[in-house]
Amino acid sequence: MIYSRIKVKKGINIKNLDSRKGCISTPRCASSIDINGIKLVNVHLCGGRFDDKDVAEKKMSSRVREDEMRMIMKIKPEIVLGDFNAGYNDDYSFIEKQVKNFDRDHYKKWMEGVIEYMFKEKYQSAYKYYKIGQTTIRGKFVIDWVFYKNITIGKTKIIRFWGKNMKMLADHHAILVEVFIPT
């Protein structure tokens, strides 16, 4: 959701991110908008418990999310944000128990590959504590990301949507990022 006092150009949808028909359980997509000349892409990449299991069983490539991001990079966005279904976590016991002949390196590439790809493309993570932060109830690693390039940002923080005495609004917390938009 984007609120802006600035005129926003009509956005575009990036359909069919599944370049290799990789995401078996749910096809994914992304949307792009232009705010004052800054291209922002909101993504929901392949992943989740069913796709994770398919990757762990080697029914699906560990590079599917990277391939999805390569398609997105064709429009050269300054900001890429959303649910990457990826993060850093060395405890894979939750999936290892479900799979015979678990290949740790293959699965680690699945979990970290798209993030490393973004860093290789010279994007920075707006949230600096991504190796210890948490935006999801399903693990001890960041699932939602805000990457940026060639722009200036200010404050960032995770806004917790749930706690001991709260109803759960979503299975993810929000990441608040202050972006300075040139006028």
N, C-alpha and C. Protein backbone atom coordinates (compact mmCIF):
# COMPACT_ATOMS: atom_id res chain seq x y z
N MET A 1 0.85 -1.17 0.00
CA MET A 1 0.00 0.00 0.00
C MET A 1 0.90 1.22 0.00
N ILE A 2 0.61 2.17 -0.87
CA ILE A 2 1.43 3.38 -0.97
C ILE A 2 0.53 4.60 -0.85
N TYR A 3 0.87 5.46 0.09
CA TYR A 3 0.18 6.73 0.24
C TYR A 3 1.16 7.81 -0.17
N SER A 4 0.71 8.76 -0.96
CA SER A 4 1.62 9.80 -1.43
C SER A 4 0.86 11.09 -1.71
N ARG A 5 1.47 12.22 -1.38
CA ARG A 5 0.92 13.52 -1.75
C ARG A 5 1.44 13.93 -3.12
N ILE A 6 2.36 13.15 -3.61
CA ILE A 6 2.99 13.42 -4.90
C ILE A 6 2.22 12.66 -5.97
N LYS A 7 2.13 13.22 -7.15
CA LYS A 7 1.43 12.54 -8.24
C LYS A 7 2.15 11.23 -8.58
N VAL A 8 1.38 10.18 -8.62
CA VAL A 8 1.93 8.86 -8.92
C VAL A 8 1.51 8.48 -10.34
N LYS A 9 2.50 8.12 -11.15
CA LYS A 9 2.17 7.64 -12.50
C LYS A 9 1.54 6.26 -12.39
N LYS A 10 0.72 5.96 -13.35
CA LYS A 10 0.06 4.65 -13.36
C LYS A 10 1.10 3.54 -13.33
N GLY A 11 0.81 2.56 -12.54
CA GLY A 11 1.73 1.44 -12.40
C GLY A 11 1.51 0.37 -13.45
N ILE A 12 2.40 -0.60 -13.46
CA ILE A 12 2.27 -1.74 -14.36
C ILE A 12 2.37 -3.02 -13.55
N ASN A 13 1.76 -4.05 -14.02
CA ASN A 13 1.90 -5.36 -13.40
C ASN A 13 2.92 -6.16 -14.18
N ILE A 14 3.75 -6.88 -13.45
CA ILE A 14 4.73 -7.77 -14.08
C ILE A 14 4.19 -9.17 -13.85
N LYS A 15 3.54 -9.71 -14.84
CA LYS A 15 2.89 -11.01 -14.70
C LYS A 15 3.88 -12.14 -15.00
N ASN A 16 3.49 -13.31 -14.60
CA ASN A 16 4.24 -14.51 -14.97
C ASN A 16 5.71 -14.46 -14.62
N LEU A 17 6.00 -14.24 -13.36
CA LEU A 17 7.40 -14.24 -12.94
C LEU A 17 8.01 -15.63 -13.04
N ASP A 18 7.18 -16.63 -13.13
CA ASP A 18 7.68 -18.00 -13.13
C ASP A 18 8.28 -18.36 -14.49
N SER A 19 9.47 -17.85 -14.73
CA SER A 19 10.12 -18.02 -16.04
C SER A 19 10.40 -19.48 -16.36
N ARG A 20 10.61 -20.29 -15.34
CA ARG A 20 10.88 -21.72 -15.56
C ARG A 20 9.73 -22.58 -15.08
N LYS A 21 8.56 -21.97 -14.93
CA LYS A 21 7.42 -22.67 -14.34
C LYS A 21 7.84 -23.26 -13.00
N GLY A 22 8.67 -22.51 -12.30
CA GLY A 22 9.27 -23.03 -11.08
C GLY A 22 8.37 -23.08 -9.88
N CYS A 23 7.66 -22.02 -9.60
CA CYS A 23 6.84 -21.94 -8.40
C CYS A 23 5.66 -22.88 -8.56
N ILE A 24 5.72 -24.03 -7.95
CA ILE A 24 4.74 -25.07 -8.20
C ILE A 24 3.41 -24.78 -7.52
N SER A 25 3.44 -24.30 -6.27
CA SER A 25 2.18 -24.15 -5.54
C SER A 25 1.37 -22.92 -5.94
N THR A 26 2.00 -21.76 -6.10
CA THR A 26 1.26 -20.53 -6.41
C THR A 26 2.08 -19.66 -7.35
N PRO A 27 1.62 -19.40 -8.55
CA PRO A 27 2.34 -18.49 -9.43
C PRO A 27 2.45 -17.12 -8.78
N ARG A 28 3.54 -16.42 -9.00
CA ARG A 28 3.80 -15.14 -8.35
C ARG A 28 3.80 -14.01 -9.37
N CYS A 29 3.74 -12.78 -8.84
CA CYS A 29 3.75 -11.60 -9.70
C CYS A 29 4.37 -10.43 -8.95
N ALA A 30 4.47 -9.30 -9.64
CA ALA A 30 4.99 -8.07 -9.05
C ALA A 30 4.27 -6.90 -9.70
N SER A 31 4.25 -5.77 -8.99
CA SER A 31 3.68 -4.54 -9.53
C SER A 31 4.71 -3.44 -9.43
N SER A 32 4.65 -2.53 -10.39
CA SER A 32 5.61 -1.43 -10.42
C SER A 32 4.87 -0.11 -10.54
N ILE A 33 5.33 0.90 -9.82
CA ILE A 33 4.80 2.25 -9.99
C ILE A 33 5.97 3.22 -10.08
N ASP A 34 5.69 4.40 -10.58
CA ASP A 34 6.68 5.45 -10.71
C ASP A 34 6.22 6.63 -9.86
N ILE A 35 7.02 7.00 -8.85
CA ILE A 35 6.71 8.14 -7.99
C ILE A 35 7.81 9.17 -8.18
N ASN A 36 7.49 10.30 -8.80
CA ASN A 36 8.47 11.36 -9.04
C ASN A 36 9.75 10.83 -9.70
N GLY A 37 9.60 9.96 -10.64
CA GLY A 37 10.76 9.44 -11.36
C GLY A 37 11.47 8.28 -10.69
N ILE A 38 10.98 7.85 -9.54
CA ILE A 38 11.57 6.70 -8.84
C ILE A 38 10.70 5.49 -9.10
N LYS A 39 11.29 4.45 -9.68
CA LYS A 39 10.55 3.21 -9.94
C LYS A 39 10.59 2.34 -8.69
N LEU A 40 9.41 1.93 -8.26
CA LEU A 40 9.27 1.08 -7.10
C LEU A 40 8.57 -0.19 -7.55
N VAL A 41 9.10 -1.33 -7.16
CA VAL A 41 8.49 -2.62 -7.50
C VAL A 41 8.16 -3.35 -6.20
N ASN A 42 6.91 -3.78 -6.08
CA ASN A 42 6.46 -4.57 -4.96
C ASN A 42 6.32 -6.02 -5.45
N VAL A 43 7.01 -6.94 -4.77
CA VAL A 43 7.05 -8.33 -5.23
C VAL A 43 6.50 -9.30 -4.19
N HIS A 44 6.06 -10.42 -4.66
CA HIS A 44 5.80 -11.58 -3.82
C HIS A 44 6.42 -12.75 -4.57
N LEU A 45 7.64 -13.09 -4.18
CA LEU A 45 8.40 -14.11 -4.90
C LEU A 45 7.98 -15.51 -4.49
N CYS A 46 8.36 -16.44 -5.30
CA CYS A 46 8.11 -17.86 -5.10
C CYS A 46 8.60 -18.29 -3.72
N GLY A 47 7.88 -19.20 -3.12
CA GLY A 47 8.32 -19.73 -1.84
C GLY A 47 7.16 -20.06 -0.94
N GLY A 48 7.48 -20.45 0.26
CA GLY A 48 6.47 -20.89 1.22
C GLY A 48 6.65 -22.37 1.49
N ARG A 49 5.89 -22.86 2.42
CA ARG A 49 6.15 -24.23 2.90
C ARG A 49 6.07 -25.30 1.82
N PHE A 50 5.16 -25.15 0.84
CA PHE A 50 5.05 -26.19 -0.19
C PHE A 50 6.21 -26.10 -1.18
N ASP A 51 6.52 -24.88 -1.63
CA ASP A 51 7.65 -24.70 -2.54
C ASP A 51 8.96 -25.05 -1.86
N ASP A 52 9.09 -24.69 -0.57
CA ASP A 52 10.30 -25.02 0.18
C ASP A 52 10.54 -26.53 0.17
N LYS A 53 9.47 -27.28 0.38
CA LYS A 53 9.61 -28.74 0.39
C LYS A 53 9.98 -29.26 -1.00
N ASP A 54 9.39 -28.68 -2.05
CA ASP A 54 9.74 -29.09 -3.42
C ASP A 54 11.21 -28.83 -3.72
N VAL A 55 11.72 -27.71 -3.24
CA VAL A 55 13.14 -27.40 -3.44
C VAL A 55 14.00 -28.38 -2.65
N ALA A 56 13.61 -28.62 -1.41
CA ALA A 56 14.38 -29.54 -0.57
C ALA A 56 14.43 -30.94 -1.18
N GLU A 57 13.34 -31.32 -1.87
CA GLU A 57 13.29 -32.64 -2.53
C GLU A 57 13.87 -32.57 -3.95
N LYS A 58 14.39 -31.43 -4.33
CA LYS A 58 14.99 -31.18 -5.65
C LYS A 58 14.01 -31.38 -6.80
N LYS A 59 12.74 -31.09 -6.55
CA LYS A 59 11.74 -31.09 -7.61
C LYS A 59 11.71 -29.72 -8.29
N MET A 60 12.39 -28.75 -7.68
CA MET A 60 12.39 -27.38 -8.17
C MET A 60 13.79 -26.80 -7.98
N SER A 61 14.20 -25.98 -8.91
CA SER A 61 15.53 -25.36 -8.88
C SER A 61 15.68 -24.42 -7.69
N SER A 62 16.87 -24.34 -7.16
CA SER A 62 17.16 -23.40 -6.08
C SER A 62 17.31 -21.98 -6.61
N ARG A 63 17.28 -21.79 -7.93
CA ARG A 63 17.49 -20.47 -8.53
C ARG A 63 16.19 -19.79 -9.00
N VAL A 64 15.05 -20.35 -8.70
CA VAL A 64 13.78 -19.81 -9.21
C VAL A 64 13.59 -18.34 -8.81
N ARG A 65 13.83 -18.01 -7.54
CA ARG A 65 13.63 -16.62 -7.10
C ARG A 65 14.61 -15.67 -7.78
N GLU A 66 15.84 -16.11 -7.96
CA GLU A 66 16.82 -15.28 -8.68
C GLU A 66 16.34 -15.02 -10.11
N ASP A 67 15.80 -16.03 -10.75
CA ASP A 67 15.29 -15.87 -12.12
C ASP A 67 14.12 -14.88 -12.14
N GLU A 68 13.25 -14.96 -11.13
CA GLU A 68 12.15 -14.00 -11.03
C GLU A 68 12.70 -12.58 -10.89
N MET A 69 13.71 -12.41 -10.06
CA MET A 69 14.27 -11.08 -9.84
C MET A 69 14.99 -10.56 -11.08
N ARG A 70 15.61 -11.44 -11.84
CA ARG A 70 16.25 -11.00 -13.10
C ARG A 70 15.21 -10.39 -14.05
N MET A 71 14.03 -10.96 -14.09
CA MET A 71 12.95 -10.40 -14.92
C MET A 71 12.57 -9.01 -14.41
N ILE A 72 12.48 -8.85 -13.11
CA ILE A 72 12.13 -7.56 -12.51
C ILE A 72 13.20 -6.51 -12.79
N MET A 73 14.45 -6.91 -12.77
CA MET A 73 15.55 -5.97 -12.95
C MET A 73 15.58 -5.34 -14.34
N LYS A 74 14.86 -5.92 -15.27
CA LYS A 74 14.82 -5.36 -16.62
C LYS A 74 14.23 -3.95 -16.64
N ILE A 75 13.38 -3.61 -15.67
CA ILE A 75 12.81 -2.26 -15.64
C ILE A 75 13.65 -1.30 -14.79
N LYS A 76 14.76 -1.77 -14.24
CA LYS A 76 15.72 -0.96 -13.48
C LYS A 76 15.08 -0.15 -12.35
N PRO A 77 14.48 -0.82 -11.37
CA PRO A 77 13.84 -0.11 -10.26
C PRO A 77 14.87 0.45 -9.27
N GLU A 78 14.51 1.56 -8.64
CA GLU A 78 15.34 2.10 -7.55
C GLU A 78 15.00 1.44 -6.23
N ILE A 79 13.74 0.99 -6.09
CA ILE A 79 13.29 0.34 -4.85
C ILE A 79 12.61 -0.97 -5.22
N VAL A 80 13.02 -2.04 -4.55
CA VAL A 80 12.36 -3.34 -4.70
C VAL A 80 12.01 -3.79 -3.29
N LEU A 81 10.73 -4.05 -3.07
CA LEU A 81 10.30 -4.42 -1.73
C LEU A 81 9.25 -5.51 -1.80
N GLY A 82 9.06 -6.15 -0.68
CA GLY A 82 8.00 -7.14 -0.60
C GLY A 82 8.44 -8.44 0.04
N ASP A 83 7.62 -9.44 -0.18
CA ASP A 83 7.83 -10.76 0.40
C ASP A 83 8.72 -11.56 -0.54
N PHE A 84 9.98 -11.70 -0.17
CA PHE A 84 10.94 -12.45 -0.98
C PHE A 84 10.89 -13.94 -0.65
N ASN A 85 10.20 -14.31 0.45
CA ASN A 85 10.21 -15.70 0.92
C ASN A 85 11.64 -16.21 1.06
N ALA A 86 12.54 -15.34 1.45
CA ALA A 86 13.96 -15.68 1.54
C ALA A 86 14.58 -14.99 2.73
N GLY A 87 15.62 -15.59 3.27
CA GLY A 87 16.32 -14.98 4.38
C GLY A 87 17.49 -15.82 4.82
N TYR A 88 18.21 -15.32 5.80
CA TYR A 88 19.36 -16.00 6.36
C TYR A 88 18.94 -16.77 7.60
N ASN A 89 19.25 -18.05 7.62
CA ASN A 89 18.92 -18.90 8.76
C ASN A 89 19.70 -20.19 8.60
N ASP A 90 20.48 -20.53 9.60
CA ASP A 90 21.27 -21.75 9.50
C ASP A 90 20.55 -22.99 10.05
N ASP A 91 19.39 -22.79 10.63
CA ASP A 91 18.65 -23.92 11.19
C ASP A 91 17.59 -24.38 10.19
N TYR A 92 17.91 -25.42 9.44
CA TYR A 92 16.97 -25.96 8.45
C TYR A 92 16.35 -27.26 8.92
N SER A 93 16.41 -27.51 10.22
CA SER A 93 15.90 -28.78 10.75
C SER A 93 14.41 -28.96 10.48
N PHE A 94 13.65 -27.86 10.41
CA PHE A 94 12.22 -27.95 10.17
C PHE A 94 11.91 -28.61 8.83
N ILE A 95 12.73 -28.38 7.82
CA ILE A 95 12.50 -28.97 6.49
C ILE A 95 13.31 -30.25 6.33
N GLU A 96 14.44 -30.30 6.96
CA GLU A 96 15.32 -31.48 6.85
C GLU A 96 14.61 -32.74 7.36
N LYS A 97 13.77 -32.57 8.37
CA LYS A 97 13.04 -33.72 8.94
C LYS A 97 12.02 -34.30 7.97
N GLN A 98 11.59 -33.50 7.00
CA GLN A 98 10.54 -33.92 6.07
C GLN A 98 11.08 -34.57 4.79
N VAL A 99 12.40 -34.50 4.59
CA VAL A 99 12.96 -34.84 3.29
C VAL A 99 14.09 -35.86 3.43
N LYS A 100 14.04 -36.90 2.59
CA LYS A 100 15.16 -37.85 2.53
C LYS A 100 16.26 -37.22 1.70
N ASN A 101 17.49 -37.54 1.99
CA ASN A 101 18.66 -37.05 1.24
C ASN A 101 18.67 -35.52 1.11
N PHE A 102 18.48 -34.83 2.22
CA PHE A 102 18.45 -33.37 2.24
C PHE A 102 19.81 -32.81 1.80
N ASP A 103 19.79 -31.91 0.83
CA ASP A 103 21.00 -31.27 0.32
C ASP A 103 21.05 -29.85 0.88
N ARG A 104 21.85 -29.66 1.92
CA ARG A 104 21.92 -28.39 2.63
C ARG A 104 22.35 -27.24 1.72
N ASP A 105 23.34 -27.44 0.88
CA ASP A 105 23.84 -26.38 -0.01
C ASP A 105 22.76 -25.94 -1.01
N HIS A 106 22.03 -26.91 -1.56
CA HIS A 106 20.95 -26.61 -2.50
C HIS A 106 19.88 -25.75 -1.81
N TYR A 107 19.52 -26.15 -0.59
CA TYR A 107 18.47 -25.43 0.13
C TYR A 107 18.95 -24.05 0.60
N LYS A 108 20.20 -23.96 1.02
CA LYS A 108 20.77 -22.67 1.44
C LYS A 108 20.78 -21.69 0.26
N LYS A 109 21.09 -22.17 -0.93
CA LYS A 109 21.06 -21.33 -2.14
C LYS A 109 19.63 -20.84 -2.38
N TRP A 110 18.64 -21.68 -2.16
CA TRP A 110 17.24 -21.32 -2.29
C TRP A 110 16.88 -20.19 -1.30
N MET A 111 17.32 -20.32 -0.06
CA MET A 111 16.95 -19.36 0.97
C MET A 111 17.70 -18.03 0.85
N GLU A 112 18.94 -18.06 0.37
CA GLU A 112 19.77 -16.86 0.37
C GLU A 112 20.10 -16.31 -1.01
N GLY A 113 19.88 -17.10 -2.06
CA GLY A 113 20.35 -16.74 -3.40
C GLY A 113 19.83 -15.41 -3.92
N VAL A 114 18.53 -15.14 -3.79
CA VAL A 114 17.97 -13.89 -4.32
C VAL A 114 18.48 -12.68 -3.54
N ILE A 115 18.72 -12.85 -2.26
CA ILE A 115 19.26 -11.75 -1.45
C ILE A 115 20.69 -11.44 -1.89
N GLU A 116 21.49 -12.48 -2.05
CA GLU A 116 22.86 -12.29 -2.51
C GLU A 116 22.88 -11.68 -3.91
N TYR A 117 21.93 -12.06 -4.75
CA TYR A 117 21.81 -11.49 -6.09
C TYR A 117 21.58 -9.97 -6.00
N MET A 118 20.70 -9.55 -5.10
CA MET A 118 20.42 -8.12 -4.94
C MET A 118 21.67 -7.36 -4.49
N PHE A 119 22.41 -7.94 -3.57
CA PHE A 119 23.66 -7.30 -3.14
C PHE A 119 24.67 -7.24 -4.30
N LYS A 120 24.74 -8.29 -5.08
CA LYS A 120 25.64 -8.31 -6.24
C LYS A 120 25.26 -7.23 -7.25
N GLU A 121 23.97 -6.94 -7.36
CA GLU A 121 23.49 -5.90 -8.27
C GLU A 121 23.62 -4.50 -7.66
N LYS A 122 24.31 -4.41 -6.51
CA LYS A 122 24.62 -3.12 -5.85
C LYS A 122 23.42 -2.49 -5.15
N TYR A 123 22.42 -3.28 -4.81
CA TYR A 123 21.32 -2.78 -3.99
C TYR A 123 21.71 -2.91 -2.52
N GLN A 124 21.15 -2.06 -1.71
CA GLN A 124 21.37 -2.12 -0.26
C GLN A 124 20.07 -2.50 0.42
N SER A 125 20.17 -3.17 1.53
CA SER A 125 19.00 -3.50 2.33
C SER A 125 18.69 -2.30 3.23
N ALA A 126 17.45 -1.83 3.18
CA ALA A 126 17.06 -0.70 4.02
C ALA A 126 17.10 -1.09 5.49
N TYR A 127 16.75 -2.33 5.77
CA TYR A 127 16.78 -2.81 7.14
C TYR A 127 18.12 -3.49 7.38
N LYS A 128 18.95 -2.88 8.23
CA LYS A 128 20.34 -3.33 8.41
C LYS A 128 20.50 -4.57 9.29
N TYR A 129 19.47 -4.91 10.06
CA TYR A 129 19.60 -6.02 11.01
C TYR A 129 18.96 -7.30 10.49
N TYR A 130 19.08 -7.52 9.19
CA TYR A 130 18.37 -8.63 8.55
C TYR A 130 18.88 -10.01 8.96
N LYS A 131 20.07 -10.10 9.53
CA LYS A 131 20.55 -11.42 9.95
C LYS A 131 20.05 -11.80 11.34
N ILE A 132 19.50 -10.82 12.06
CA ILE A 132 18.97 -11.12 13.39
C ILE A 132 17.52 -10.67 13.54
N GLY A 133 17.01 -9.90 12.59
CA GLY A 133 15.64 -9.38 12.65
C GLY A 133 14.64 -10.43 12.23
N GLN A 134 13.37 -10.10 12.43
CA GLN A 134 12.33 -11.06 12.08
C GLN A 134 11.11 -10.30 11.61
N THR A 135 10.59 -10.65 10.45
CA THR A 135 9.35 -10.04 9.98
C THR A 135 8.26 -11.09 9.77
N THR A 136 8.49 -12.28 10.22
CA THR A 136 7.50 -13.33 10.01
C THR A 136 7.39 -14.20 11.26
N ILE A 137 6.22 -14.80 11.45
CA ILE A 137 6.03 -15.71 12.57
C ILE A 137 6.56 -17.10 12.25
N ARG A 138 6.94 -17.34 11.00
CA ARG A 138 7.30 -18.69 10.57
C ARG A 138 8.79 -18.99 10.62
N GLY A 139 9.60 -18.09 11.18
CA GLY A 139 11.02 -18.37 11.25
C GLY A 139 11.76 -17.24 11.90
N LYS A 140 13.04 -17.44 12.13
CA LYS A 140 13.85 -16.45 12.81
C LYS A 140 14.71 -15.70 11.79
N PHE A 141 14.11 -15.32 10.67
CA PHE A 141 14.85 -14.59 9.66
C PHE A 141 13.89 -13.68 8.92
N VAL A 142 14.43 -12.66 8.29
CA VAL A 142 13.60 -11.69 7.58
C VAL A 142 13.08 -12.31 6.29
N ILE A 143 11.79 -12.20 6.06
CA ILE A 143 11.15 -12.69 4.84
C ILE A 143 10.85 -11.50 3.93
N ASP A 144 10.40 -10.40 4.53
CA ASP A 144 10.08 -9.19 3.78
C ASP A 144 11.33 -8.32 3.68
N TRP A 145 11.50 -7.72 2.54
CA TRP A 145 12.71 -6.94 2.27
C TRP A 145 12.38 -5.61 1.64
N VAL A 146 13.25 -4.64 1.86
CA VAL A 146 13.22 -3.37 1.15
C VAL A 146 14.64 -3.13 0.68
N PHE A 147 14.85 -3.22 -0.64
CA PHE A 147 16.15 -2.95 -1.23
C PHE A 147 16.08 -1.63 -1.99
N TYR A 148 17.17 -0.89 -2.00
CA TYR A 148 17.19 0.39 -2.71
C TYR A 148 18.55 0.61 -3.36
N LYS A 149 18.52 1.50 -4.36
CA LYS A 149 19.73 1.81 -5.13
C LYS A 149 19.56 3.21 -5.71
N ASN A 150 20.61 4.02 -5.61
CA ASN A 150 20.64 5.37 -6.19
C ASN A 150 19.61 6.32 -5.61
N ILE A 151 19.17 6.09 -4.38
CA ILE A 151 18.29 7.02 -3.68
C ILE A 151 18.79 7.16 -2.25
N THR A 152 18.23 8.11 -1.51
CA THR A 152 18.60 8.34 -0.12
C THR A 152 17.45 7.92 0.77
N ILE A 153 17.78 7.19 1.83
CA ILE A 153 16.75 6.80 2.79
C ILE A 153 17.12 7.35 4.16
N GLY A 154 16.12 7.39 5.04
CA GLY A 154 16.32 7.84 6.42
C GLY A 154 16.10 6.69 7.37
N LYS A 155 15.20 6.90 8.33
CA LYS A 155 14.94 5.91 9.38
C LYS A 155 14.31 4.63 8.81
N THR A 156 14.65 3.52 9.44
CA THR A 156 14.00 2.24 9.12
C THR A 156 13.73 1.50 10.42
N LYS A 157 12.65 0.77 10.47
CA LYS A 157 12.39 -0.08 11.63
C LYS A 157 11.30 -1.08 11.29
N ILE A 158 11.28 -2.16 12.04
CA ILE A 158 10.21 -3.15 11.91
C ILE A 158 9.09 -2.74 12.85
N ILE A 159 7.88 -2.68 12.32
CA ILE A 159 6.70 -2.38 13.13
C ILE A 159 6.00 -3.70 13.40
N ARG A 160 5.94 -4.07 14.66
CA ARG A 160 5.36 -5.36 15.03
C ARG A 160 3.84 -5.29 14.97
N PHE A 161 3.25 -6.20 14.22
CA PHE A 161 1.80 -6.26 14.06
C PHE A 161 1.14 -7.20 15.05
N TRP A 162 1.92 -7.92 15.81
CA TRP A 162 1.30 -8.85 16.74
C TRP A 162 2.22 -9.04 17.94
N GLY A 163 1.63 -9.44 19.01
CA GLY A 163 2.37 -9.67 20.25
C GLY A 163 1.52 -10.50 21.19
N LYS A 164 1.87 -10.50 22.47
CA LYS A 164 1.17 -11.35 23.43
C LYS A 164 -0.33 -11.08 23.50
N ASN A 165 -0.73 -9.83 23.61
CA ASN A 165 -2.14 -9.51 23.81
C ASN A 165 -2.78 -8.89 22.57
N MET A 166 -2.23 -9.17 21.39
CA MET A 166 -2.75 -8.58 20.16
C MET A 166 -3.32 -9.66 19.26
N LYS A 167 -4.33 -9.30 18.50
CA LYS A 167 -4.80 -10.20 17.45
C LYS A 167 -3.83 -10.10 16.29
N MET A 168 -3.62 -11.19 15.61
CA MET A 168 -2.67 -11.21 14.50
C MET A 168 -3.34 -10.63 13.25
N LEU A 169 -2.81 -9.51 12.75
CA LEU A 169 -3.34 -8.89 11.55
C LEU A 169 -2.79 -9.54 10.29
N ALA A 170 -1.58 -10.06 10.36
CA ALA A 170 -0.91 -10.68 9.22
C ALA A 170 0.15 -11.63 9.75
N ASP A 171 0.69 -12.49 8.90
CA ASP A 171 1.77 -13.36 9.35
C ASP A 171 3.14 -12.70 9.14
N HIS A 172 3.13 -11.40 8.82
CA HIS A 172 4.37 -10.63 8.66
C HIS A 172 4.23 -9.31 9.40
N HIS A 173 5.35 -8.83 9.92
CA HIS A 173 5.41 -7.47 10.45
C HIS A 173 5.65 -6.54 9.27
N ALA A 174 5.53 -5.25 9.50
CA ALA A 174 5.82 -4.26 8.45
C ALA A 174 7.23 -3.72 8.63
N ILE A 175 7.84 -3.31 7.54
CA ILE A 175 9.13 -2.60 7.61
C ILE A 175 8.86 -1.16 7.16
N LEU A 176 9.10 -0.23 8.06
CA LEU A 176 8.91 1.19 7.76
C LEU A 176 10.23 1.77 7.27
N VAL A 177 10.21 2.40 6.11
CA VAL A 177 11.42 3.02 5.56
C VAL A 177 11.08 4.44 5.11
N GLU A 178 11.85 5.39 5.59
CA GLU A 178 11.70 6.79 5.18
C GLU A 178 12.53 6.99 3.91
N VAL A 179 11.86 7.41 2.83
CA VAL A 179 12.53 7.61 1.54
C VAL A 179 12.48 9.10 1.21
N PHE A 180 13.62 9.66 0.82
CA PHE A 180 13.67 11.06 0.40
C PHE A 180 13.52 11.11 -1.11
N ILE A 181 12.40 11.67 -1.55
CA ILE A 181 12.09 11.73 -2.97
C ILE A 181 12.47 13.10 -3.52
N PRO A 182 13.28 13.13 -4.56
CA PRO A 182 13.66 14.43 -5.14
C PRO A 182 12.44 15.11 -5.76
N THR A 183 12.40 16.43 -5.65
CA THR A 183 11.28 17.16 -6.24
C THR A 183 11.72 17.99 -7.42
